[in-house]
Protein backbone atom coordinates (compact mmCIF):
# COMPACT_ATOMS: atom_id res chain seq x y z
CA MET A 1 101.66 115.07 87.91
CA ALA A 2 101.30 115.40 83.89
CA GLU A 3 100.88 112.49 82.32
CA LEU A 4 100.18 111.06 78.33
CA LEU A 5 99.79 107.52 78.96
CA GLU A 6 100.19 105.55 82.36
CA THR A 7 103.68 104.33 82.56
CA TRP A 8 104.63 101.33 84.56
CA ALA A 9 107.35 100.11 86.48
CA VAL A 10 107.89 96.31 87.23
CA ILE A 11 110.38 95.48 90.17
CA VAL A 12 111.74 92.14 89.84
CA ALA A 13 112.39 91.61 93.41
CA ALA A 14 111.86 87.42 93.16
CA GLY A 15 115.53 86.86 94.37
CA SER A 16 116.16 84.43 97.00
CA GLY A 17 119.09 85.89 98.74
CA THR A 18 121.09 82.89 99.18
CA ARG A 19 124.29 84.00 97.78
CA LEU A 20 123.60 86.90 100.59
CA GLY A 21 123.88 84.24 103.21
CA ALA A 22 120.39 85.51 104.04
CA ASP A 23 117.35 83.39 105.81
CA VAL A 24 114.65 86.17 103.99
CA PRO A 25 114.42 87.04 100.39
CA LYS A 26 116.88 89.44 98.52
CA ALA A 27 114.22 91.79 98.65
CA PHE A 28 113.94 91.70 102.48
CA VAL A 29 117.30 92.14 103.47
CA GLY A 30 117.82 95.33 105.47
CA LEU A 31 120.10 97.81 104.68
CA GLY A 32 120.69 100.61 107.09
CA GLY A 33 117.31 99.21 109.10
CA ARG A 34 115.25 99.10 105.94
CA ALA A 35 114.73 96.50 103.24
CA LEU A 36 115.72 96.89 100.22
CA LEU A 37 112.74 96.73 98.41
CA ALA A 38 111.62 99.54 100.33
CA ARG A 39 114.00 101.80 98.82
CA ALA A 40 113.12 100.65 95.03
CA VAL A 41 109.41 100.90 96.00
CA GLU A 42 110.17 104.79 97.28
CA LEU A 43 112.13 105.38 94.19
CA PHE A 44 109.45 104.69 92.02
CA GLU A 45 106.80 106.10 94.41
CA GLU A 46 108.38 109.61 94.12
CA HIS A 47 109.01 109.81 90.31
CA ASP A 48 106.61 112.13 88.41
CA ALA A 49 107.26 109.54 85.08
CA ILE A 50 106.19 106.36 86.76
CA ASP A 51 102.32 106.04 87.36
CA ARG A 52 101.55 102.49 88.65
CA MET A 53 104.03 99.63 89.63
CA VAL A 54 103.88 96.29 90.04
CA VAL A 55 106.28 94.11 92.50
CA VAL A 56 107.55 90.48 91.86
CA VAL A 57 108.69 88.84 95.12
CA PRO A 58 109.36 85.15 95.66
CA ALA A 59 106.27 82.96 96.49
CA GLY A 60 105.13 83.00 99.96
CA TRP A 61 105.88 87.07 100.33
CA GLU A 62 103.15 88.32 98.42
CA GLU A 63 101.45 89.55 101.05
CA PRO A 64 104.96 91.13 103.42
CA ALA A 65 105.53 93.17 99.95
CA THR A 66 101.88 94.30 99.75
CA LEU A 67 101.88 95.06 103.92
CA LEU A 68 105.18 97.13 103.16
CA ALA A 69 103.51 99.28 100.18
CA ASP A 70 100.86 99.82 102.43
CA GLN A 71 103.58 101.17 105.36
CA LEU A 72 105.33 103.54 102.75
CA VAL A 73 101.92 104.75 101.74
CA ALA A 74 103.08 103.37 98.19
CA GLY A 75 99.63 104.08 96.17
CA LYS A 76 101.10 103.49 92.95
CA VAL A 77 101.67 99.60 93.78
CA ALA A 78 99.16 98.10 92.07
CA ALA A 79 100.16 94.30 92.67
CA ALA A 80 102.57 92.09 94.15
CA VAL A 81 102.63 88.56 92.14
CA THR A 82 105.00 85.72 92.46
CA GLY A 83 108.10 85.38 90.47
CA GLY A 84 109.52 82.64 88.31
CA ALA A 85 111.99 80.30 88.61
CA THR A 86 114.28 82.61 86.61
CA ARG A 87 114.46 86.23 86.18
CA ALA A 88 113.41 86.26 82.63
CA GLU A 89 109.97 84.41 84.15
CA SER A 90 109.87 86.95 86.70
CA VAL A 91 109.89 89.24 84.47
CA ALA A 92 107.42 88.01 81.89
CA LEU A 93 104.92 87.20 85.41
CA GLY A 94 105.25 91.02 86.08
CA LEU A 95 104.55 92.19 82.62
CA ALA A 96 101.35 89.80 82.43
CA GLU A 97 100.13 92.12 85.31
CA LEU A 98 99.86 95.35 83.26
CA PRO A 99 96.64 96.23 81.33
CA PRO A 100 96.04 94.65 77.94
CA ASP A 101 96.31 95.37 74.90
CA ALA A 102 92.90 97.11 74.62
CA VAL A 103 92.95 99.29 77.38
CA MET A 104 96.07 100.40 76.50
CA ALA A 105 94.91 101.41 72.78
CA ALA A 106 91.90 102.91 74.51
CA LYS A 107 94.18 105.34 76.85
CA PHE A 108 96.29 106.03 73.19
CA ARG A 109 93.03 107.07 71.70
CA GLU A 110 91.88 109.28 74.51
CA ALA A 111 95.29 110.91 74.36
CA CYS A 112 95.07 111.44 70.63
CA GLU A 113 91.59 113.00 71.18
CA ARG A 114 93.11 115.27 73.83
CA ILE A 115 95.44 116.48 71.25
CA GLU A 116 92.97 117.32 68.87
CA SER A 117 90.69 119.17 71.31
CA LYS A 118 93.50 120.71 73.55
CA GLY A 119 96.57 120.62 71.66
CA THR A 120 98.10 118.52 74.26
CA ALA A 121 98.13 114.60 75.34
CA ALA A 122 98.68 115.57 78.84
CA ARG A 123 96.66 115.55 81.80
CA ARG A 124 96.18 115.75 85.49
CA SER A 125 96.48 112.96 87.93
CA PRO A 126 95.86 114.06 91.45
CA ARG A 127 97.83 112.43 94.20
CA LEU A 128 96.52 109.92 96.80
CA ALA A 129 95.99 112.22 99.79
CA PRO A 130 97.19 110.21 102.81
CA LYS A 131 95.22 108.61 104.96
CA PRO A 132 94.07 110.33 108.32
CA GLU A 133 95.66 109.17 111.37
CA LEU A 134 93.62 107.24 113.58
CA ALA A 135 92.89 107.60 116.80
CA VAL A 136 94.56 105.41 119.35
CA PRO A 137 91.95 102.77 121.28
CA GLN A 138 91.70 103.26 125.32
CA ASP A 139 93.47 99.85 126.22
CA PHE A 140 95.99 100.85 123.91
CA ALA A 141 96.84 104.30 125.37
CA ALA A 142 96.52 102.73 128.95
CA ALA A 143 99.15 100.04 128.20
CA LEU A 144 101.65 102.77 126.16
CA ARG A 145 101.33 104.82 129.71
CA GLU A 146 102.62 102.15 131.30
CA ASN A 147 105.78 101.77 129.67
CA ARG A 148 107.49 105.06 128.90
CA ARG A 149 109.92 103.49 126.13
CA ALA A 150 107.36 102.22 124.07
CA ALA A 151 105.52 105.15 124.44
CA ALA A 152 108.18 107.11 123.53
CA THR A 153 108.92 104.69 120.26
CA PHE A 154 105.38 105.17 118.99
CA GLU A 155 104.92 108.62 119.36
CA ALA A 156 108.30 109.04 117.32
CA PHE A 157 106.43 106.98 114.56
CA PRO A 158 105.02 108.81 111.67
CA PRO A 159 101.25 108.44 111.21
CA SER A 160 101.80 105.65 108.70
CA GLN A 161 103.57 103.37 111.24
CA ARG A 162 101.47 104.10 114.16
CA ARG A 163 98.55 103.54 111.87
CA GLU A 164 99.81 100.20 111.67
CA TYR A 165 99.78 99.06 115.24
CA ILE A 166 96.28 100.90 115.97
CA GLU A 167 94.71 98.51 112.87
CA TRP A 168 96.49 95.27 113.86
CA VAL A 169 95.36 95.79 117.79
CA SER A 170 91.99 96.50 116.45
CA ASP A 171 91.46 93.95 114.09
CA ALA A 172 91.46 91.43 116.75
CA LYS A 173 87.84 89.10 116.06
CA GLN A 174 88.63 87.82 120.09
CA ASP A 175 89.20 89.57 123.12
CA ALA A 176 92.00 87.18 123.82
CA THR A 177 93.56 87.92 120.24
CA ARG A 178 93.37 91.30 120.89
CA ALA A 179 95.07 91.18 124.21
CA LYS A 180 98.07 88.89 122.61
CA ARG A 181 98.83 91.31 119.98
CA LEU A 182 98.28 94.34 122.55
CA ALA A 183 100.76 92.74 124.53
CA THR A 184 102.79 92.26 121.66
CA SER A 185 102.80 95.66 120.09
CA ILE A 186 103.97 97.06 123.36
CA GLU A 187 107.05 94.38 123.42
CA TRP A 188 108.30 95.42 119.76
CA LEU A 189 107.64 99.14 120.33
CA ALA A 190 109.84 98.92 123.77
CA GLU A 191 112.37 97.48 121.37
CA GLY A 192 112.26 99.83 118.63
CA LYS A 193 110.66 97.86 116.08
CA ARG A 194 107.79 98.99 114.01
CA ARG A 195 105.07 96.34 112.84
CA ASN A 196 106.35 94.61 110.16
CA TRP A 197 110.17 94.70 111.23
CA LYS A 198 110.25 90.85 110.38
CA TYR A 199 110.53 92.05 107.05
CA GLU A 200 112.61 94.45 106.95
CA THR A 201 115.32 94.04 109.17
CA ARG A 202 116.82 90.79 108.75
């Protein structure tokens, strides 16, 4: 992707969703089985003119927004921050996450130097390589063999969605926690659900 300076996008998604009658914030309301926020993030992730993003969400929804970005393998998302009481405040809080003036000024000087030396300010930014697919743990694989519906759902998922379940189970610190997460994973998979379905399809 060629760029002159970094171009940032601020996604203001801190609405409560009360006018929609939803029990989750508007950005996490499902449309066609996918959260509205996912559609906005994907749009900017795929846009060659955008380098980085800041997502502004309601208080308490920063982690779900980060998980959603991870699921989408949206490497351009730099931060998920808490919004304000008004849209103007949310915009200001999002803009506050952008690099300081000194950093932007330095990037501008670098662009000028490239123009002097190469005749263009453009430079190449390599796209982030997708994460390698994880091996399915033995206990997870055994549980999938016992439940055909869960196994079919798991196999149909793309690598990023399979990774979410594998990491969730593998990150458990205690055997009891792992067993509970494994059982929950099989239950959700049998119902055709993604790991973070609670934040996507309300």
